[in-house]
């Protein structure tokens, strides 16, 4: 995150459901549903 000319590093962990679609012979993410977000502390 950049705020007032300096940077804060954030680490988040997500639980999500992804929907994949085949587009031009490749799998791509078509939709994402975030189920839970949690900020984790950096080691």
PDB file of N, CA and C in Angstrom:
ATOM      1  N   UNK A   1       0.842  -1.166   0.000  1.00  0.00           N
ATOM      2  CA  UNK A   1       0.000   0.000   0.000  1.00  0.00           C
ATOM      3  C   UNK A   1       0.892   1.235   0.000  1.00  0.00           C
ATOM      4  N   UNK A   2       0.618   2.192  -0.853  1.00  0.00           N
ATOM      5  CA  UNK A   2       1.378   3.441  -0.894  1.00  0.00           C
ATOM      6  C   UNK A   2       0.506   4.541  -0.308  1.00  0.00           C
ATOM      7  N   UNK A   3       1.076   5.269   0.638  1.00  0.00           N
ATOM      8  CA  UNK A   3       0.326   6.318   1.322  1.00  0.00           C
ATOM      9  C   UNK A   3       1.260   7.472   1.624  1.00  0.00           C
ATOM     10  N   UNK A   4       0.914   8.640   1.186  1.00  0.00           N
ATOM     11  CA  UNK A   4       1.669   9.853   1.460  1.00  0.00           C
ATOM     12  C   UNK A   4       3.154   9.704   1.145  1.00  0.00           C
ATOM     13  N   UNK A   5       3.477   9.039   0.027  1.00  0.00           N
ATOM     14  CA  UNK A   5       4.854   8.964  -0.423  1.00  0.00           C
ATOM     15  C   UNK A   5       5.703   7.888   0.216  1.00  0.00           C
ATOM     16  N   UNK A   6       5.123   7.013   1.043  1.00  0.00           N
ATOM     17  CA  UNK A   6       5.874   5.895   1.601  1.00  0.00           C
ATOM     18  C   UNK A   6       5.041   4.619   1.473  1.00  0.00           C
ATOM     19  N   UNK A   7       5.704   3.480   1.604  1.00  0.00           N
ATOM     20  CA  UNK A   7       5.079   2.190   1.341  1.00  0.00           C
ATOM     21  C   UNK A   7       4.917   1.386   2.617  1.00  0.00           C
ATOM     22  N   UNK A   8       3.759   0.747   2.751  1.00  0.00           N
ATOM     23  CA  UNK A   8       3.500  -0.202   3.829  1.00  0.00           C
ATOM     24  C   UNK A   8       3.312  -1.572   3.181  1.00  0.00           C
ATOM     25  N   UNK A   9       4.072  -2.561   3.605  1.00  0.00           N
ATOM     26  CA  UNK A   9       3.914  -3.905   3.072  1.00  0.00           C
ATOM     27  C   UNK A   9       2.820  -4.624   3.860  1.00  0.00           C
ATOM     28  N   UNK A  10       1.911  -5.257   3.152  1.00  0.00           N
ATOM     29  CA  UNK A  10       0.819  -6.009   3.763  1.00  0.00           C
ATOM     30  C   UNK A  10       0.835  -7.427   3.193  1.00  0.00           C
ATOM     31  N   UNK A  11       0.514  -8.388   4.038  1.00  0.00           N
ATOM     32  CA  UNK A  11       0.376  -9.766   3.587  1.00  0.00           C
ATOM     33  C   UNK A  11      -1.010 -10.246   3.989  1.00  0.00           C
ATOM     34  N   UNK A  12      -1.787 -10.688   3.011  1.00  0.00           N
ATOM     35  CA  UNK A  12      -3.137 -11.177   3.255  1.00  0.00           C
ATOM     36  C   UNK A  12      -3.254 -12.619   2.795  1.00  0.00           C
ATOM     37  N   UNK A  13      -4.124 -13.363   3.473  1.00  0.00           N
ATOM     38  CA  UNK A  13      -4.421 -14.744   3.093  1.00  0.00           C
ATOM     39  C   UNK A  13      -5.899 -14.797   2.720  1.00  0.00           C
ATOM     40  N   UNK A  14      -6.215 -15.497   1.628  1.00  0.00           N
ATOM     41  CA  UNK A  14      -7.585 -15.553   1.135  1.00  0.00           C
ATOM     42  C   UNK A  14      -8.054 -16.991   1.015  1.00  0.00           C
ATOM     43  N   UNK A  15      -9.333 -17.208   1.286  1.00  0.00           N
ATOM     44  CA  UNK A  15     -10.047 -18.419   0.887  1.00  0.00           C
ATOM     45  C   UNK A  15     -10.993 -17.973  -0.211  1.00  0.00           C
ATOM     46  N   UNK A  16     -10.985 -18.696  -1.324  1.00  0.00           N
ATOM     47  CA  UNK A  16     -11.799 -18.259  -2.455  1.00  0.00           C
ATOM     48  C   UNK A  16     -12.227 -19.448  -3.296  1.00  0.00           C
ATOM     49  N   UNK A  17     -13.293 -19.255  -4.045  1.00  0.00           N
ATOM     50  CA  UNK A  17     -13.727 -20.221  -5.046  1.00  0.00           C
ATOM     51  C   UNK A  17     -13.460 -19.619  -6.417  1.00  0.00           C
ATOM     52  N   UNK A  18     -12.738 -20.360  -7.239  1.00  0.00           N
ATOM     53  CA  UNK A  18     -12.415 -19.906  -8.585  1.00  0.00           C
ATOM     54  C   UNK A  18     -13.243 -20.670  -9.605  1.00  0.00           C
ATOM     55  N   UNK A  19     -13.718 -19.985 -10.616  1.00  0.00           N
ATOM     56  CA  UNK A  19     -14.368 -20.619 -11.752  1.00  0.00           C
ATOM     57  C   UNK A  19     -13.420 -20.500 -12.933  1.00  0.00           C
ATOM     58  N   UNK A  20     -13.081 -21.648 -13.522  1.00  0.00           N
ATOM     59  CA  UNK A  20     -12.173 -21.665 -14.673  1.00  0.00           C
ATOM     60  C   UNK A  20     -12.964 -21.833 -15.960  1.00  0.00           C
ATOM     61  N   UNK A  21     -12.471 -21.242 -17.024  1.00  0.00           N
ATOM     62  CA  UNK A  21     -13.081 -21.366 -18.343  1.00  0.00           C
ATOM     63  C   UNK A  21     -11.986 -21.682 -19.346  1.00  0.00           C
ATOM     64  N   UNK A  22     -12.343 -22.457 -20.353  1.00  0.00           N
ATOM     65  CA  UNK A  22     -11.396 -22.749 -21.426  1.00  0.00           C
ATOM     66  C   UNK A  22     -11.565 -21.682 -22.496  1.00  0.00           C
ATOM     67  N   UNK A  23     -10.515 -20.895 -22.701  1.00  0.00           N
ATOM     68  CA  UNK A  23     -10.526 -19.809 -23.681  1.00  0.00           C
ATOM     69  C   UNK A  23      -9.304 -19.976 -24.569  1.00  0.00           C
ATOM     70  N   UNK A  24      -9.549 -20.151 -25.873  1.00  0.00           N
ATOM     71  CA  UNK A  24      -8.471 -20.337 -26.844  1.00  0.00           C
ATOM     72  C   UNK A  24      -7.514 -21.444 -26.399  1.00  0.00           C
ATOM     73  N   UNK A  25      -8.065 -22.587 -26.030  1.00  0.00           N
ATOM     74  CA  UNK A  25      -7.316 -23.789 -25.652  1.00  0.00           C
ATOM     75  C   UNK A  25      -6.492 -23.607 -24.375  1.00  0.00           C
ATOM     76  N   UNK A  26      -6.818 -22.621 -23.571  1.00  0.00           N
ATOM     77  CA  UNK A  26      -6.152 -22.418 -22.288  1.00  0.00           C
ATOM     78  C   UNK A  26      -7.199 -22.255 -21.202  1.00  0.00           C
ATOM     79  N   UNK A  27      -6.838 -22.633 -19.997  1.00  0.00           N
ATOM     80  CA  UNK A  27      -7.718 -22.398 -18.859  1.00  0.00           C
ATOM     81  C   UNK A  27      -7.415 -21.032 -18.280  1.00  0.00           C
ATOM     82  N   UNK A  28      -8.468 -20.268 -18.046  1.00  0.00           N
ATOM     83  CA  UNK A  28      -8.323 -18.924 -17.480  1.00  0.00           C
ATOM     84  C   UNK A  28      -9.340 -18.749 -16.369  1.00  0.00           C
ATOM     85  N   UNK A  29      -9.019 -17.871 -15.423  1.00  0.00           N
ATOM     86  CA  UNK A  29      -9.957 -17.576 -14.349  1.00  0.00           C
ATOM     87  C   UNK A  29     -11.101 -16.745 -14.921  1.00  0.00           C
ATOM     88  N   UNK A  30     -12.322 -17.277 -14.831  1.00  0.00           N
ATOM     89  CA  UNK A  30     -13.495 -16.583 -15.342  1.00  0.00           C
ATOM     90  C   UNK A  30     -14.227 -15.820 -14.237  1.00  0.00           C
ATOM     91  N   UNK A  31     -14.098 -16.312 -12.990  1.00  0.00           N
ATOM     92  CA  UNK A  31     -14.776 -15.659 -11.869  1.00  0.00           C
ATOM     93  C   UNK A  31     -14.056 -16.037 -10.586  1.00  0.00           C
ATOM     94  N   UNK A  32     -14.110 -15.171  -9.612  1.00  0.00           N
ATOM     95  CA  UNK A  32     -13.526 -15.439  -8.301  1.00  0.00           C
ATOM     96  C   UNK A  32     -14.476 -14.916  -7.233  1.00  0.00           C
ATOM     97  N   UNK A  33     -14.745 -15.754  -6.260  1.00  0.00           N
ATOM     98  CA  UNK A  33     -15.580 -15.387  -5.121  1.00  0.00           C
ATOM     99  C   UNK A  33     -14.705 -15.438  -3.875  1.00  0.00           C
ATOM    100  N   UNK A  34     -14.429 -14.298  -3.272  1.00  0.00           N
ATOM    101  CA  UNK A  34     -13.638 -14.252  -2.041  1.00  0.00           C
ATOM    102  C   UNK A  34     -14.548 -14.668  -0.893  1.00  0.00           C
ATOM    103  N   UNK A  35     -14.172 -15.725  -0.186  1.00  0.00           N
ATOM    104  CA  UNK A  35     -14.967 -16.226   0.927  1.00  0.00           C
ATOM    105  C   UNK A  35     -14.486 -15.661   2.258  1.00  0.00           C
ATOM    106  N   UNK A  36     -13.179 -15.454   2.356  1.00  0.00           N
ATOM    107  CA  UNK A  36     -12.611 -14.939   3.597  1.00  0.00           C
ATOM    108  C   UNK A  36     -11.272 -14.277   3.302  1.00  0.00           C
ATOM    109  N   UNK A  37     -10.993 -13.184   3.985  1.00  0.00           N
ATOM    110  CA  UNK A  37      -9.715 -12.493   3.863  1.00  0.00           C
ATOM    111  C   UNK A  37      -9.174 -12.255   5.271  1.00  0.00           C
ATOM    112  N   UNK A  38      -7.889 -12.528   5.439  1.00  0.00           N
ATOM    113  CA  UNK A  38      -7.273 -12.356   6.752  1.00  0.00           C
ATOM    114  C   UNK A  38      -5.894 -11.758   6.569  1.00  0.00           C
ATOM    115  N   UNK A  39      -5.592 -10.701   7.305  1.00  0.00           N
ATOM    116  CA  UNK A  39      -4.256 -10.124   7.284  1.00  0.00           C
ATOM    117  C   UNK A  39      -3.374 -11.002   8.170  1.00  0.00           C
ATOM    118  N   UNK A  40      -2.210 -11.380   7.643  1.00  0.00           N
ATOM    119  CA  UNK A  40      -1.264 -12.196   8.405  1.00  0.00           C
ATOM    120  C   UNK A  40      -0.017 -11.369   8.654  1.00  0.00           C
ATOM    121  N   UNK A  41       0.642 -11.661   9.742  1.00  0.00           N
ATOM    122  CA  UNK A  41       1.859 -10.920  10.078  1.00  0.00           C
ATOM    123  C   UNK A  41       3.035 -11.522   9.326  1.00  0.00           C
ATOM    124  N   UNK A  42       3.913 -10.674   8.887  1.00  0.00           N
ATOM    125  CA  UNK A  42       5.125 -11.118   8.179  1.00  0.00           C
ATOM    126  C   UNK A  42       6.086 -11.726   9.178  1.00  0.00           C
ATOM    127  N   UNK A  43       6.821 -12.762   8.754  1.00  0.00           N
ATOM    128  CA  UNK A  43       7.786 -13.406   9.680  1.00  0.00           C
ATOM    129  C   UNK A  43       8.929 -12.484  10.046  1.00  0.00           C
TER     130      UNK A  43
END
